[in-house]
C-alpha atoms as a PDB file:
ATOM      1  CA  MET A   1     -12.162  37.149  -0.280  1.00  0.00           C
ATOM      2  CA  ASP A   2     -15.090  37.766  -2.582  1.00  0.00           C
ATOM      3  CA  HIS A   3     -18.053  35.499  -3.182  1.00  0.00           C
ATOM      4  CA  GLU A   4     -16.798  34.130  -6.489  1.00  0.00           C
ATOM      5  CA  GLN A   5     -13.592  32.919  -4.826  1.00  0.00           C
ATOM      6  CA  TYR A   6     -15.575  31.342  -2.002  1.00  0.00           C
ATOM      7  CA  VAL A   7     -17.794  29.514  -4.528  1.00  0.00           C
ATOM      8  CA  GLU A   8     -14.647  28.247  -6.333  1.00  0.00           C
ATOM      9  CA  LEU A   9     -13.138  26.927  -3.154  1.00  0.00           C
ATOM     10  CA  VAL A  10     -16.328  25.112  -2.158  1.00  0.00           C
ATOM     11  CA  LEU A  11     -16.603  23.512  -5.589  1.00  0.00           C
ATOM     12  CA  GLN A  12     -12.881  22.588  -5.480  1.00  0.00           C
ATOM     13  CA  CYS A  13     -13.518  20.745  -2.167  1.00  0.00           C
ATOM     14  CA  VAL A  14     -16.563  18.915  -3.522  1.00  0.00           C
ATOM     15  CA  GLU A  15     -14.755  17.808  -6.662  1.00  0.00           C
ATOM     16  CA  ALA A  16     -12.051  16.246  -4.507  1.00  0.00           C
ATOM     17  CA  VAL A  17     -14.386  13.945  -2.579  1.00  0.00           C
ATOM     18  CA  PRO A  18     -13.597  10.386  -3.775  1.00  0.00           C
ATOM     19  CA  ARG A  19     -16.185   8.070  -5.312  1.00  0.00           C
ATOM     20  CA  GLY A  20     -18.023   6.099  -2.653  1.00  0.00           C
ATOM     21  CA  ARG A  21     -17.242   8.655   0.041  1.00  0.00           C
ATOM     22  CA  VAL A  22     -19.009  11.740   1.379  1.00  0.00           C
ATOM     23  CA  THR A  23     -18.266  14.860   3.295  1.00  0.00           C
ATOM     24  CA  THR A  24     -20.567  17.244   5.148  1.00  0.00           C
ATOM     25  CA  TYR A  25     -21.580  20.865   4.606  1.00  0.00           C
ATOM     26  CA  GLY A  26     -19.890  21.606   7.965  1.00  0.00           C
ATOM     27  CA  ALA A  27     -16.604  19.945   6.965  1.00  0.00           C
ATOM     28  CA  VAL A  28     -16.509  21.921   3.707  1.00  0.00           C
ATOM     29  CA  ALA A  29     -17.353  25.113   5.621  1.00  0.00           C
ATOM     30  CA  GLU A  30     -14.591  24.485   8.089  1.00  0.00           C
ATOM     31  CA  VAL A  31     -11.876  23.938   5.424  1.00  0.00           C
ATOM     32  CA  VAL A  32     -13.036  26.794   3.147  1.00  0.00           C
ATOM     33  CA  GLY A  33     -13.745  29.125   6.076  1.00  0.00           C
ATOM     34  CA  ALA A  34     -10.142  28.673   7.272  1.00  0.00           C
ATOM     35  CA  VAL A  35      -8.931  30.240   4.058  1.00  0.00           C
ATOM     36  CA  ALA A  36     -11.912  32.506   3.298  1.00  0.00           C
ATOM     37  CA  GLY A  37     -12.281  33.901   6.797  1.00  0.00           C
ATOM     38  CA  GLY A  38     -15.683  32.480   7.657  1.00  0.00           C
ATOM     39  CA  GLY A  39     -18.861  31.048   6.273  1.00  0.00           C
ATOM     40  CA  GLY A  40     -20.818  28.164   7.722  1.00  0.00           C
ATOM     41  CA  PRO A  41     -22.677  25.109   6.542  1.00  0.00           C
ATOM     42  CA  ARG A  42     -25.670  27.138   5.344  1.00  0.00           C
ATOM     43  CA  LEU A  43     -23.429  29.189   3.124  1.00  0.00           C
ATOM     44  CA  VAL A  44     -21.979  26.041   1.667  1.00  0.00           C
ATOM     45  CA  GLY A  45     -25.517  24.741   1.087  1.00  0.00           C
ATOM     46  CA  SER A  46     -26.350  28.029  -0.687  1.00  0.00           C
ATOM     47  CA  VAL A  47     -23.302  27.659  -2.960  1.00  0.00           C
ATOM     48  CA  MET A  48     -24.210  24.084  -3.735  1.00  0.00           C
ATOM     49  CA  ALA A  49     -27.801  25.006  -4.520  1.00  0.00           C
ATOM     50  CA  GLY A  50     -26.730  27.739  -6.908  1.00  0.00           C
ATOM     51  CA  HIS A  51     -23.535  26.395  -8.386  1.00  0.00           C
ATOM     52  CA  GLY A  52     -23.187  22.699  -7.536  1.00  0.00           C
ATOM     53  CA  ALA A  53     -24.717  21.041 -10.589  1.00  0.00           C
ATOM     54  CA  PRO A  54     -21.388  20.363 -12.373  1.00  0.00           C
ATOM     55  CA  VAL A  55     -19.748  18.701  -9.371  1.00  0.00           C
ATOM     56  CA  PRO A  56     -20.672  15.466  -7.459  1.00  0.00           C
ATOM     57  CA  TRP A  57     -23.199  17.254  -5.221  1.00  0.00           C
ATOM     58  CA  TRP A  58     -24.552  13.971  -3.806  1.00  0.00           C
ATOM     59  CA  ARG A  59     -21.219  13.535  -2.014  1.00  0.00           C
ATOM     60  CA  VAL A  60     -22.058  16.403   0.348  1.00  0.00           C
ATOM     61  CA  VAL A  61     -24.566  15.467   2.963  1.00  0.00           C
ATOM     62  CA  ARG A  62     -25.891  16.678   6.306  1.00  0.00           C
ATOM     63  CA  ALA A  63     -24.050  15.632   9.453  1.00  0.00           C
ATOM     64  CA  ASP A  64     -26.550  12.771   9.999  1.00  0.00           C
ATOM     65  CA  GLY A  65     -25.835  11.387   6.500  1.00  0.00           C
ATOM     66  CA  SER A  66     -29.081  12.629   4.933  1.00  0.00           C
ATOM     67  CA  LEU A  67     -29.882  14.790   1.930  1.00  0.00           C
ATOM     68  CA  PRO A  68     -32.917  17.082   1.430  1.00  0.00           C
ATOM     69  CA  PRO A  69     -35.872  14.883   0.281  1.00  0.00           C
ATOM     70  CA  SER A  70     -35.857  16.478  -3.162  1.00  0.00           C
ATOM     71  CA  HIS A  71     -32.315  15.035  -3.785  1.00  0.00           C
ATOM     72  CA  GLN A  72     -32.688  11.553  -2.394  1.00  0.00           C
ATOM     73  CA  GLY A  73     -33.735   9.642  -5.551  1.00  0.00           C
ATOM     74  CA  GLU A  74     -30.936  10.802  -7.797  1.00  0.00           C
ATOM     75  CA  ALA A  75     -28.385  10.649  -5.000  1.00  0.00           C
ATOM     76  CA  ARG A  76     -29.378   7.131  -3.967  1.00  0.00           C
ATOM     77  CA  GLN A  77     -28.706   5.914  -7.518  1.00  0.00           C
ATOM     78  CA  ALA A  78     -25.291   7.549  -7.425  1.00  0.00           C
ATOM     79  CA  TYR A  79     -24.564   5.971  -4.015  1.00  0.00           C
ATOM     80  CA  LEU A  80     -25.449   2.539  -5.288  1.00  0.00           C
ATOM     81  CA  GLU A  81     -23.331   2.988  -8.419  1.00  0.00           C
ATOM     82  CA  GLU A  82     -20.347   4.230  -6.360  1.00  0.00           C
ATOM     83  CA  GLY A  83     -20.680   1.709  -3.547  1.00  0.00           C
ATOM     84  CA  THR A  84     -21.177   4.329  -0.885  1.00  0.00           C
ATOM     85  CA  PRO A  85     -21.976   2.686   2.472  1.00  0.00           C
ATOM     86  CA  LEU A  86     -25.625   3.192   3.351  1.00  0.00           C
ATOM     87  CA  ARG A  87     -27.611   2.649   6.508  1.00  0.00           C
ATOM     88  CA  PRO A  88     -30.898   0.670   6.531  1.00  0.00           C
ATOM     89  CA  ASN A  89     -32.916   3.894   6.559  1.00  0.00           C
ATOM     90  CA  GLY A  90     -31.343   4.976   3.224  1.00  0.00           C
ATOM     91  CA  ASN A  91     -29.025   7.657   4.687  1.00  0.00           C
ATOM     92  CA  VAL A  92     -25.313   7.477   4.110  1.00  0.00           C
ATOM     93  CA  ASP A  93     -23.424   5.595   6.815  1.00  0.00           C
ATOM     94  CA  ILE A  94     -21.401   8.689   7.813  1.00  0.00           C
ATOM     95  CA  LYS A  95     -19.039   6.765  10.093  1.00  0.00           C
ATOM     96  CA  ARG A  96     -17.944   4.524   7.247  1.00  0.00           C
ATOM     97  CA  ALA A  97     -18.182   6.946   4.301  1.00  0.00           C
ATOM     98  CA  PHE A  98     -16.910  10.260   5.789  1.00  0.00           C
ATOM     99  CA  TRP A  99     -14.008  11.934   4.009  1.00  0.00           C
ATOM    100  CA  ARG A 100     -12.482  15.115   5.416  1.00  0.00           C
ATOM    101  CA  PRO A 101     -11.431  17.641   2.839  1.00  0.00           C
ATOM    102  CA  PRO A 102      -7.736  18.532   3.102  1.00  0.00           C
ATOM    103  CA  ASP A 103      -6.750  21.953   4.268  1.00  0.00           C
ATOM    104  CA  LEU A 104      -6.578  24.496   1.471  1.00  0.00           C
ATOM    105  CA  GLY A 105      -4.040  26.803   3.051  1.00  0.00           C
END
């Protein structure tokens, strides 16, 4: 599978995350990697950094429910608008908000 196909699969997964829910870079990597033959959370992060603007990027978080500091302001507004469960520290409550992308294969 070429890089463009990998990018499309990552973006397809992110577009499917419902409002008010989140998934993790690792969960996307697991689902896409099963079809693409590999690629980890860092590759998903790279795809999102380079191609994620048109999709709901704020719905993909680290395993602890956090985002990079540069994304927190805009993401927090989206979480509040969508009713995403948050913890007192501002991170997403991953236990309540996690959504696992369906298998692509």
